[in-house]
Amino acid sequence: MQLNDPRLFRQLAYIDGRWTAGNSNRDEAVLDPANGETLGHCALLDAEQITESVTAAEGAFDAWRALTVDERGARLKAWYRLLHEHKEDLARIMTLEQGKPLHDARGEIDYGASFIEWFAEEARRAYGMTIPSHIPDAMLGTVKEPVGVSVMFTPWNFPLAMITRKAGAALAAGCPVIVKPANETPFSALALAELAERAGIPAGVFNVVTGDPATVSEILCGDNRVRSVSFTGSTRVGKLLIRQSAGSVKRMSLELGGNAPFIVCEDVDVDWAAREAVAAKFQTAGQDCLAANRILVHRRIYERFVERFTAHMKALKVGSGMMEVDIGPLIHTRAVGMARELVEDATSQGARLIHGDQSMAPGANFFMPTLLADITPGMKVFREENFSPVAGIGVFDSDEEVVELANDTEYGLAAYIYSDDVRRIWKMMRGLDYGMVSVNTLKMTGAPIPFGGIKQSGLGREGGAQGLEEYLDTKYFCLGNMPSPSGS
């Protein structure tokens, strides 16, 4: 891998300030999804080494929490600056291991770095409070305390930003962290560890473990010394982590599956809305929890919308992320098979296949942008999280109907509304059972906002003031007056 700073490409785990191979020298190949070539290997740690990471984090906790907020913030800001200084190398690592276009990877570096800067400042506002006392001669109040060792399981679709969004908050709050990145994309996490060390973050405060996911989760979630678990990924795995953590009643922060509706009302400019929907659907090749899963269009503009959506979709360029393209490969061939299954299921139930010639795919892990019209609730493309460049468009006749269709899912992460009618927008926004609703724009995320869902899309929030609270406990105190010594 050609980098300006070759030390950013690490193939070993990072525990207690040391680069660590597996005790049995076991590792797993990491492949470039664009061509299937081996980029490198990630170490498969054994149980003893995974437990060592908890010991390291626990040992670093008291000294890290004892630093002033300014001292922790200075180290985080140094880390933030290093991410920007090494942006091109970090973007190249990300594109090669994840597949997304290089310009998208650069955007993720900026996005990911913003959380580090945000929480370095937000930690200054971890306020306690004074409570008017109902107890004679007593002073009541609260202070905020860091929860302790925090574990983070992060996904392959955003291999850097999902780490900084979690770790930035935890570190700022005074908690040491253990990151378990996806085995498909470990190198972005390990590059972050290299830069954290350079930024002066002490040994044991930021650790990256690699290994068999089931083994790592069982050990870390079962360790009583771990007080907080954060996970971004599927609802199925999130439920497993809850069960594994239940024995020690850990703090859980879960950002799980999504099935985002994209509602297009009859009062909008059709071409603009279609262009926005294409962007919402095909970001990260559709491998995004915020991607528009179900595009629901009012009957009056339905056929015109399908026509314009098709035209904008056909203009997308597909290829290796190292080229000037809009859509890169899917993460592996299993994802391609799942995309194909969605199309076959929908067309067998009456959906129209408008576009999607897979003979044009430039490689085994590529799936060409596909459009299915006339989707209905019984189809997998409507009901399941669609982590692929397969777009499904359905029709509705009334505001009440589309809100009911949109809410007909166990998921509740994000929803989109496109309309010019403020009264309709307000009513829909309040009626949609989602943690986040974006109106007439795709740009809704960022460091200052509380990112998260409801129902089976997760627990807790990441980003904003709420993101810091995930790593803080509220401690109540009652200070009574001691009696004066006798005779004084």
Protein backbone atom coordinates (compact mmCIF):
# COMPACT_ATOMS: atom_id res chain seq x y z
CA MET A 1 0.00 0.00 0.00
CA GLN A 2 1.58 3.27 -1.13
CA LEU A 3 1.27 5.93 1.56
CA ASN A 4 3.03 9.18 2.35
CA ASP A 5 3.46 7.88 5.90
CA PRO A 6 3.86 4.07 5.77
CA ARG A 7 3.61 3.81 9.59
CA LEU A 8 -0.13 4.44 9.30
CA PHE A 9 -0.61 1.00 7.78
CA ARG A 10 -0.58 -1.38 10.75
CA GLN A 11 -1.39 -5.09 10.76
CA LEU A 12 -1.15 -5.70 14.51
CA ALA A 13 -3.59 -5.05 17.34
CA TYR A 14 -2.88 -2.15 19.73
CA ILE A 15 -3.10 -2.87 23.46
CA ASP A 16 -1.68 -0.80 26.31
CA GLY A 17 0.44 1.27 23.94
CA ARG A 18 2.01 -1.79 22.26
CA TRP A 19 1.54 -3.28 18.80
CA THR A 20 0.54 -6.87 19.39
CA ALA A 21 0.40 -9.99 17.21
CA GLY A 22 -1.77 -12.95 18.09
CA ASN A 23 -0.08 -15.33 20.53
CA SER A 24 -0.57 -18.19 18.09
CA ASN A 25 0.38 -15.99 15.10
CA ARG A 26 -3.08 -16.51 13.61
CA ASP A 27 -4.37 -13.83 11.30
CA GLU A 28 -7.03 -13.16 8.69
CA ALA A 29 -6.56 -11.75 5.21
CA VAL A 30 -8.13 -8.37 4.46
CA LEU A 31 -9.21 -8.02 0.84
CA ASP A 32 -9.71 -5.09 -1.49
CA PRO A 33 -13.41 -5.51 -2.39
CA ALA A 34 -12.83 -3.90 -5.81
CA ASN A 35 -10.52 -6.66 -7.06
CA GLY A 36 -10.28 -9.34 -4.37
CA GLU A 37 -6.55 -8.79 -3.85
CA THR A 38 -5.07 -9.16 -0.36
CA LEU A 39 -4.21 -5.81 1.23
CA GLY A 40 -2.75 -7.27 4.41
CA HIS A 41 -3.76 -9.26 7.47
CA CYS A 42 -5.32 -8.56 10.84
CA ALA A 43 -4.16 -10.42 13.92
CA LEU A 44 -6.57 -12.88 15.54
CA LEU A 45 -6.00 -12.40 19.25
CA ASP A 46 -6.65 -15.17 21.73
CA ALA A 47 -8.83 -14.93 24.83
CA GLU A 48 -5.93 -14.03 27.12
CA GLN A 49 -4.94 -11.07 24.93
CA ILE A 50 -8.50 -9.79 24.68
CA THR A 51 -8.74 -9.89 28.47
CA GLU A 52 -5.41 -8.03 28.65
CA SER A 53 -7.01 -5.14 26.82
CA VAL A 54 -9.56 -4.77 29.63
CA THR A 55 -6.81 -4.91 32.21
CA ALA A 56 -4.91 -2.20 30.32
CA ALA A 57 -7.95 0.04 30.05
CA GLU A 58 -8.88 -0.45 33.69
CA GLY A 59 -5.31 0.34 34.73
CA ALA A 60 -5.35 3.58 32.72
CA PHE A 61 -8.74 4.75 33.98
CA ASP A 62 -7.82 6.57 37.19
CA ALA A 63 -5.03 8.64 35.65
CA TRP A 64 -7.08 9.53 32.56
CA ARG A 65 -10.17 10.60 34.50
CA ALA A 66 -7.97 12.62 36.89
CA LEU A 67 -6.77 14.89 34.10
CA THR A 68 -8.55 18.20 33.81
CA VAL A 69 -11.01 18.59 30.97
CA ASP A 70 -8.52 20.96 29.33
CA GLU A 71 -5.74 18.37 29.51
CA ARG A 72 -7.90 15.66 27.95
CA GLY A 73 -9.20 18.15 25.42
CA ALA A 74 -5.68 19.16 24.37
CA ARG A 75 -4.82 15.56 23.52
CA LEU A 76 -8.08 15.10 21.62
CA LYS A 77 -7.48 18.27 19.63
CA ALA A 78 -3.98 17.08 18.76
CA TRP A 79 -5.58 13.84 17.50
CA TYR A 80 -8.09 15.89 15.50
CA ARG A 81 -5.28 17.87 13.82
CA LEU A 82 -3.37 14.71 12.97
CA LEU A 83 -6.42 13.26 11.20
CA HIS A 84 -6.52 16.31 8.95
CA GLU A 85 -2.76 16.29 8.38
CA HIS A 86 -2.91 12.66 7.22
CA LYS A 87 -6.27 12.89 5.45
CA GLU A 88 -5.03 11.60 2.09
CA ASP A 89 -3.37 8.52 3.56
CA LEU A 90 -6.36 7.77 5.77
CA ALA A 91 -8.72 8.13 2.80
CA ARG A 92 -6.60 5.81 0.68
CA ILE A 93 -6.54 3.16 3.42
CA MET A 94 -10.31 3.43 3.76
CA THR A 95 -11.04 3.18 0.04
CA LEU A 96 -8.79 0.18 -0.41
CA GLU A 97 -10.27 -1.81 2.48
CA GLN A 98 -13.91 -0.66 2.25
CA GLY A 99 -14.37 0.18 -1.44
CA LYS A 100 -16.09 3.57 -1.24
CA PRO A 101 -14.97 6.26 -3.72
CA LEU A 102 -11.95 8.26 -2.63
CA HIS A 103 -13.92 11.52 -2.44
CA ASP A 104 -16.41 9.83 -0.08
CA ALA A 105 -13.54 8.56 2.05
CA ARG A 106 -12.12 12.07 2.33
CA GLY A 107 -15.54 13.25 3.43
CA GLU A 108 -15.64 10.57 6.09
CA ILE A 109 -12.28 11.70 7.47
CA ASP A 110 -13.62 15.24 7.85
CA TYR A 111 -16.85 13.96 9.37
CA GLY A 112 -15.06 11.61 11.74
CA ALA A 113 -12.56 14.24 12.88
CA SER A 114 -15.40 16.67 13.66
CA PHE A 115 -16.59 14.43 16.52
CA ILE A 116 -13.19 14.52 18.19
CA GLU A 117 -13.13 18.32 18.10
CA TRP A 118 -16.77 18.58 19.20
CA PHE A 119 -16.42 16.35 22.26
CA ALA A 120 -13.12 17.95 23.27
CA GLU A 121 -15.17 21.12 23.73
CA GLU A 122 -18.47 19.58 24.86
CA ALA A 123 -16.77 17.92 27.84
CA ARG A 124 -16.45 21.40 29.37
CA ARG A 125 -20.24 21.35 29.75
CA ALA A 126 -20.58 18.12 31.72
CA TYR A 127 -22.30 20.09 34.41
CA GLY A 128 -23.62 18.91 37.72
CA MET A 129 -26.33 20.82 39.56
CA THR A 130 -27.31 22.20 42.94
CA ILE A 131 -30.66 20.96 44.28
CA PRO A 132 -32.70 23.16 46.63
CA SER A 133 -32.64 21.18 49.84
CA HIS A 134 -35.72 19.73 51.55
CA ILE A 135 -33.47 18.42 54.34
CA PRO A 136 -32.60 20.88 57.14
CA ASP A 137 -28.96 21.94 57.27
CA ALA A 138 -27.95 19.91 54.21
CA MET A 139 -26.60 20.74 50.78
CA LEU A 140 -27.80 18.60 47.85
CA GLY A 141 -26.46 18.29 44.34
CA THR A 142 -25.07 16.14 41.56
CA VAL A 143 -21.76 15.66 39.78
CA LYS A 144 -20.97 13.80 36.55
CA GLU A 145 -18.58 10.86 36.70
CA PRO A 146 -17.15 8.79 33.80
CA VAL A 147 -18.78 5.36 33.60
CA GLY A 148 -15.48 3.50 33.20
CA VAL A 149 -14.02 1.12 30.64
CA SER A 150 -16.02 1.38 27.42
CA VAL A 151 -16.06 -1.13 24.57
CA MET A 152 -16.95 -0.18 20.99
CA PHE A 153 -17.92 -2.59 18.22
CA THR A 154 -17.77 -0.72 14.93
CA PRO A 155 -18.93 -1.59 11.39
CA TRP A 156 -17.24 -1.89 8.02
CA ASN A 157 -19.35 0.67 6.12
CA PHE A 158 -17.94 3.68 8.01
CA PRO A 159 -14.68 2.27 9.42
CA LEU A 160 -13.31 5.52 10.82
CA ALA A 161 -16.22 7.85 11.67
CA MET A 162 -18.11 5.27 13.72
CA ILE A 163 -15.03 4.96 15.93
CA THR A 164 -14.46 8.67 16.45
CA ARG A 165 -18.17 9.33 17.09
CA LYS A 166 -18.05 6.86 19.97
CA ALA A 167 -14.47 7.19 21.20
CA GLY A 168 -14.45 10.99 21.02
CA ALA A 169 -17.31 11.12 23.51
CA ALA A 170 -15.93 8.42 25.80
CA LEU A 171 -12.40 9.80 25.93
CA ALA A 172 -13.64 13.34 26.54
CA ALA A 173 -15.80 12.08 29.41
CA GLY A 174 -12.77 10.39 31.01
CA CYS A 175 -13.37 6.79 29.92
CA PRO A 176 -10.67 4.54 28.41
CA VAL A 177 -11.86 2.62 25.36
CA ILE A 178 -11.42 -0.71 23.61
CA VAL A 179 -12.35 -0.69 19.92
CA LYS A 180 -13.21 -3.86 18.02
CA PRO A 181 -13.36 -2.94 14.32
CA ALA A 182 -14.94 -5.14 11.66
CA ASN A 183 -12.52 -7.75 10.35
CA GLU A 184 -13.25 -6.53 6.82
CA THR A 185 -11.90 -3.05 7.62
CA PRO A 186 -9.40 -3.08 10.51
CA PHE A 187 -6.75 -0.80 9.02
CA SER A 188 -8.62 2.49 9.48
CA ALA A 189 -8.99 1.71 13.19
CA LEU A 190 -5.32 0.81 13.53
CA ALA A 191 -4.28 4.01 11.76
CA LEU A 192 -6.37 5.90 14.32
CA ALA A 193 -4.46 4.13 17.09
CA GLU A 194 -1.15 5.20 15.56
CA LEU A 195 -2.31 8.82 15.46
CA ALA A 196 -3.77 8.64 18.98
CA GLU A 197 -0.37 7.60 20.26
CA ARG A 198 1.28 10.51 18.45
CA ALA A 199 -1.34 12.86 19.93
CA GLY A 200 -0.23 11.94 23.44
CA ILE A 201 -3.17 9.76 24.42
CA PRO A 202 -1.60 7.54 27.12
CA ALA A 203 -1.07 3.80 26.91
CA GLY A 204 -4.18 1.83 27.81
CA VAL A 205 -6.59 4.69 27.10
CA PHE A 206 -7.21 3.84 23.44
CA ASN A 207 -6.95 0.16 22.51
CA VAL A 208 -7.80 -1.69 19.29
CA VAL A 209 -8.39 -5.44 19.44
CA THR A 210 -8.80 -7.66 16.40
CA GLY A 211 -10.00 -11.24 16.32
CA ASP A 212 -12.94 -13.54 15.90
CA PRO A 213 -16.03 -11.35 16.46
CA ALA A 214 -17.97 -13.93 18.48
CA THR A 215 -15.00 -14.61 20.77
CA VAL A 216 -14.21 -10.93 21.31
CA SER A 217 -17.80 -9.97 22.08
CA GLU A 218 -18.32 -12.85 24.49
CA ILE A 219 -15.20 -11.99 26.47
CA LEU A 220 -15.61 -8.21 26.53
CA CYS A 221 -19.35 -8.21 27.21
CA GLY A 222 -18.89 -10.81 29.93
CA ASP A 223 -16.14 -8.94 31.77
CA ASN A 224 -17.47 -7.14 34.84
CA ARG A 225 -14.80 -4.45 34.51
CA VAL A 226 -16.34 -3.25 31.24
CA ARG A 227 -19.06 -0.76 32.17
CA SER A 228 -20.28 0.44 28.77
CA VAL A 229 -20.83 -1.17 25.38
CA SER A 230 -21.49 0.75 22.17
CA PHE A 231 -22.32 -0.98 18.90
CA THR A 232 -23.22 0.04 15.37
CA GLY A 233 -24.51 -2.76 13.18
CA SER A 234 -27.41 -5.11 12.65
CA THR A 235 -30.36 -5.45 15.00
CA ARG A 236 -29.68 -9.20 15.23
CA VAL A 237 -26.16 -8.68 16.58
CA GLY A 238 -27.32 -5.83 18.82
CA LYS A 239 -29.76 -8.18 20.54
CA LEU A 240 -26.95 -10.69 21.03
CA LEU A 241 -24.75 -8.06 22.69
CA ILE A 242 -27.59 -7.08 25.02
CA ARG A 243 -27.90 -10.70 26.13
CA GLN A 244 -24.14 -11.05 26.60
CA SER A 245 -24.00 -7.84 28.65
CA ALA A 246 -27.06 -8.49 30.80
CA GLY A 247 -25.18 -10.40 33.48
CA SER A 248 -23.27 -7.31 34.56
CA VAL A 249 -25.95 -4.75 33.60
CA LYS A 250 -23.74 -2.67 31.35
CA ARG A 251 -24.62 0.69 29.86
CA MET A 252 -25.71 -0.01 26.26
CA SER A 253 -25.59 2.39 23.32
CA LEU A 254 -26.83 0.73 20.13
CA GLU A 255 -27.22 2.13 16.62
CA LEU A 256 -28.90 -0.71 14.79
CA GLY A 257 -30.72 -1.38 11.53
CA GLY A 258 -32.66 1.11 9.47
CA ASN A 259 -35.42 1.01 6.86
CA ALA A 260 -35.67 4.66 5.92
CA PRO A 261 -38.77 5.86 4.07
CA PHE A 262 -38.27 8.66 1.54
CA ILE A 263 -41.65 10.37 1.16
CA VAL A 264 -42.25 12.48 -1.97
CA CYS A 265 -45.43 14.55 -1.88
CA GLU A 266 -47.28 15.86 -4.94
CA ASP A 267 -46.37 19.52 -4.29
CA VAL A 268 -42.59 19.26 -4.95
CA ASP A 269 -40.46 19.77 -8.04
CA VAL A 270 -40.30 16.24 -9.44
CA ASP A 271 -36.84 16.41 -11.02
CA TRP A 272 -35.27 17.89 -7.89
CA ALA A 273 -36.91 15.31 -5.64
CA ALA A 274 -35.80 12.47 -7.93
CA ARG A 275 -32.22 13.75 -7.91
CA GLU A 276 -32.29 13.96 -4.12
CA ALA A 277 -33.72 10.45 -3.85
CA VAL A 278 -30.95 9.03 -6.05
CA ALA A 279 -28.36 10.63 -3.78
CA ALA A 280 -30.16 9.37 -0.66
CA LYS A 281 -30.37 5.82 -2.00
CA PHE A 282 -26.95 5.24 -3.51
CA GLN A 283 -24.63 6.83 -0.93
CA THR A 284 -21.96 4.29 0.04
CA ALA A 285 -23.39 2.00 -2.68
CA GLY A 286 -26.56 1.75 -0.59
CA GLN A 287 -24.57 0.27 2.32
CA ASP A 288 -25.70 2.94 4.75
CA CYS A 289 -28.20 2.81 7.60
CA LEU A 290 -29.49 6.21 6.49
CA ALA A 291 -29.92 5.22 2.83
CA ALA A 292 -33.44 5.63 1.43
CA ASN A 293 -34.83 2.10 1.62
CA ARG A 294 -38.43 2.69 0.55
CA ILE A 295 -39.12 5.58 -1.79
CA LEU A 296 -42.83 6.40 -1.48
CA VAL A 297 -44.26 8.76 -4.13
CA HIS A 298 -47.69 10.34 -4.49
CA ARG A 299 -49.71 8.85 -7.31
CA ARG A 300 -50.16 12.20 -9.12
CA ILE A 301 -46.42 12.45 -9.84
CA TYR A 302 -45.50 8.77 -9.64
CA GLU A 303 -44.68 7.94 -13.28
CA ARG A 304 -42.86 11.24 -13.86
CA PHE A 305 -40.81 10.60 -10.73
CA VAL A 306 -39.88 7.08 -11.87
CA GLU A 307 -38.79 8.49 -15.23
CA ARG A 308 -36.59 11.21 -13.70
CA PHE A 309 -35.19 8.87 -11.04
CA THR A 310 -34.17 6.44 -13.78
CA ALA A 311 -32.45 9.15 -15.77
CA HIS A 312 -30.41 10.39 -12.80
CA MET A 313 -29.58 6.84 -11.71
CA LYS A 314 -28.28 5.92 -15.17
CA ALA A 315 -25.78 8.77 -14.94
CA LEU A 316 -24.01 7.19 -11.94
CA LYS A 317 -20.54 5.82 -12.62
CA VAL A 318 -19.58 2.45 -11.13
CA GLY A 319 -16.05 1.18 -10.57
CA SER A 320 -13.08 1.00 -8.23
CA GLY A 321 -13.15 3.65 -5.54
CA MET A 322 -9.67 4.70 -6.58
CA MET A 323 -11.17 6.04 -9.82
CA GLU A 324 -13.56 8.96 -10.39
CA VAL A 325 -16.77 7.05 -9.70
CA ASP A 326 -20.02 7.48 -7.80
CA ILE A 327 -20.47 3.88 -6.66
CA GLY A 328 -17.80 1.42 -5.61
CA PRO A 329 -18.02 -2.31 -4.91
CA LEU A 330 -20.09 -3.98 -2.25
CA ILE A 331 -18.14 -5.27 0.71
CA HIS A 332 -18.15 -8.94 -0.43
CA THR A 333 -19.85 -11.39 -2.77
CA ARG A 334 -22.44 -12.32 -0.13
CA ALA A 335 -23.76 -8.78 -0.35
CA VAL A 336 -24.06 -9.16 -4.11
CA GLY A 337 -26.06 -12.34 -3.62
CA MET A 338 -28.38 -10.61 -1.17
CA ALA A 339 -28.97 -7.77 -3.65
CA ARG A 340 -29.81 -10.26 -6.37
CA GLU A 341 -32.23 -12.02 -4.02
CA LEU A 342 -34.06 -8.75 -3.34
CA VAL A 343 -34.60 -8.19 -7.06
CA GLU A 344 -35.77 -11.75 -7.69
CA ASP A 345 -38.19 -11.65 -4.77
CA ALA A 346 -39.71 -8.33 -5.83
CA THR A 347 -40.12 -9.17 -9.50
CA SER A 348 -41.69 -12.52 -8.61
CA GLN A 349 -44.36 -10.55 -6.71
CA GLY A 350 -45.12 -8.09 -9.49
CA ALA A 351 -42.55 -5.30 -9.17
CA ARG A 352 -41.34 -3.75 -12.41
CA LEU A 353 -37.61 -4.00 -13.06
CA ILE A 354 -37.00 -0.61 -14.65
CA HIS A 355 -33.21 -0.67 -14.85
CA GLY A 356 -30.28 -2.76 -13.65
CA ASP A 357 -28.21 -4.73 -16.17
CA GLN A 358 -25.84 -6.79 -14.04
CA SER A 359 -23.85 -7.91 -17.09
CA MET A 360 -22.27 -4.45 -16.95
CA ALA A 361 -20.81 -5.00 -13.46
CA PRO A 362 -17.02 -4.43 -13.52
CA GLY A 363 -16.21 -7.16 -11.01
CA ALA A 364 -17.50 -9.93 -8.76
CA ASN A 365 -18.31 -7.59 -5.83
CA PHE A 366 -20.12 -4.98 -7.91
CA PHE A 367 -23.87 -4.62 -8.32
CA MET A 368 -25.12 -2.14 -10.86
CA PRO A 369 -27.68 0.46 -9.67
CA THR A 370 -31.11 -1.12 -9.96
CA LEU A 371 -34.61 0.31 -9.86
CA LEU A 372 -37.73 -1.62 -8.91
CA ALA A 373 -41.06 0.16 -9.32
CA ASP A 374 -44.43 -0.72 -7.79
CA ILE A 375 -42.99 -2.27 -4.63
CA THR A 376 -45.48 -3.38 -1.96
CA PRO A 377 -45.22 -4.22 1.75
CA GLY A 378 -45.01 -7.97 1.16
CA MET A 379 -41.69 -7.72 -0.68
CA LYS A 380 -38.29 -8.11 0.98
CA VAL A 381 -37.12 -4.85 -0.60
CA PHE A 382 -39.85 -3.10 1.39
CA ARG A 383 -39.55 -4.98 4.69
CA GLU A 384 -35.82 -5.64 5.11
CA GLU A 385 -32.89 -3.29 5.53
CA ASN A 386 -31.62 -2.97 1.98
CA PHE A 387 -27.83 -2.70 2.18
CA SER A 388 -27.33 -2.55 -1.59
CA PRO A 389 -27.75 -0.30 -4.67
CA VAL A 390 -31.27 -1.64 -5.23
CA ALA A 391 -33.89 1.13 -5.14
CA GLY A 392 -37.56 0.39 -4.59
CA ILE A 393 -40.33 2.88 -5.38
CA GLY A 394 -43.95 2.52 -4.25
CA VAL A 395 -47.06 4.66 -4.59
CA PHE A 396 -49.40 6.32 -2.09
CA ASP A 397 -52.61 8.34 -2.32
CA SER A 398 -52.89 10.26 0.96
CA ASP A 399 -50.77 11.64 3.77
CA GLU A 400 -52.39 9.28 6.26
CA GLU A 401 -51.65 6.28 4.05
CA VAL A 402 -47.97 7.12 3.55
CA VAL A 403 -47.35 7.68 7.26
CA GLU A 404 -48.92 4.29 7.96
CA LEU A 405 -46.77 2.66 5.24
CA ALA A 406 -43.63 4.38 6.54
CA ASN A 407 -44.28 3.22 10.11
CA ASP A 408 -44.99 -0.37 9.04
CA THR A 409 -41.59 -1.68 10.16
CA GLU A 410 -39.82 -2.68 13.35
CA TYR A 411 -37.12 -0.13 12.53
CA GLY A 412 -37.17 3.54 13.46
CA LEU A 413 -33.86 5.22 12.63
CA ALA A 414 -34.36 7.91 9.97
CA ALA A 415 -37.05 9.16 7.60
CA TYR A 416 -37.15 11.76 4.81
CA ILE A 417 -40.02 14.06 3.82
CA TYR A 418 -40.08 16.12 0.62
CA SER A 419 -42.92 18.64 0.53
CA ASP A 420 -43.57 22.40 0.21
CA ASP A 421 -46.50 22.43 2.65
CA VAL A 422 -45.35 23.33 6.16
CA ARG A 423 -48.58 22.10 7.78
CA ARG A 424 -48.23 18.72 6.04
CA ILE A 425 -44.55 18.56 6.98
CA TRP A 426 -45.26 19.22 10.65
CA LYS A 427 -48.04 16.65 10.84
CA MET A 428 -45.97 13.99 9.06
CA MET A 429 -42.86 14.73 11.09
CA ARG A 430 -44.77 14.25 14.33
CA GLY A 431 -46.52 11.13 13.04
CA LEU A 432 -43.44 9.28 11.81
CA ASP A 433 -42.07 6.78 14.35
CA TYR A 434 -38.40 7.57 13.77
CA GLY A 435 -35.59 8.99 15.87
CA MET A 436 -34.55 11.39 13.10
CA VAL A 437 -36.60 13.10 10.38
CA SER A 438 -35.00 15.11 7.58
CA VAL A 439 -37.16 17.51 5.57
CA ASN A 440 -36.18 18.64 2.07
CA THR A 441 -32.50 17.89 2.62
CA LEU A 442 -30.15 14.94 2.78
CA LYS A 443 -27.63 16.62 5.08
CA MET A 444 -28.92 15.93 8.56
CA THR A 445 -26.03 14.38 10.49
CA GLY A 446 -23.02 15.93 12.19
CA ALA A 447 -21.24 16.25 15.51
CA PRO A 448 -23.79 18.58 17.20
CA ILE A 449 -26.88 16.41 16.59
CA PRO A 450 -28.20 13.47 18.65
CA PHE A 451 -27.91 10.59 16.17
CA GLY A 452 -30.01 7.53 16.95
CA GLY A 453 -33.23 5.62 16.48
CA ILE A 454 -36.24 4.19 18.26
CA LYS A 455 -37.97 0.80 18.24
CA GLN A 456 -35.53 -1.89 17.04
CA SER A 457 -33.15 0.67 15.56
CA GLY A 458 -31.36 1.10 18.83
CA LEU A 459 -30.83 2.65 22.24
CA GLY A 460 -29.22 5.94 23.19
CA ARG A 461 -27.78 8.73 21.06
CA GLU A 462 -24.40 9.53 19.53
CA GLY A 463 -23.24 13.09 18.92
CA GLY A 464 -24.45 16.28 20.54
CA ALA A 465 -24.72 16.78 24.27
CA GLN A 466 -26.61 13.49 24.48
CA GLY A 467 -23.63 11.59 23.05
CA LEU A 468 -21.44 12.67 25.96
CA GLU A 469 -24.10 11.60 28.46
CA GLU A 470 -23.79 8.00 27.24
CA TYR A 471 -20.41 7.86 29.02
CA LEU A 472 -21.29 9.76 32.19
CA ASP A 473 -23.05 8.70 35.39
CA THR A 474 -24.94 11.15 37.56
CA LYS A 475 -23.78 10.98 41.18
CA TYR A 476 -26.06 12.54 43.77
CA PHE A 477 -24.63 13.91 47.00
CA CYS A 478 -26.16 15.05 50.28
CA LEU A 479 -23.82 17.09 52.55
CA GLY A 480 -25.13 17.37 56.09
CA ASN A 481 -23.74 19.59 58.81
CA MET A 482 -21.63 17.80 61.40
CA PRO A 483 -22.39 18.66 65.01
CA SER A 484 -19.86 20.94 66.66
CA PRO A 485 -17.34 19.17 68.92
CA SER A 486 -18.56 19.08 72.51
CA GLY A 487 -17.35 21.99 74.55
CA SER A 488 -16.55 24.24 71.61
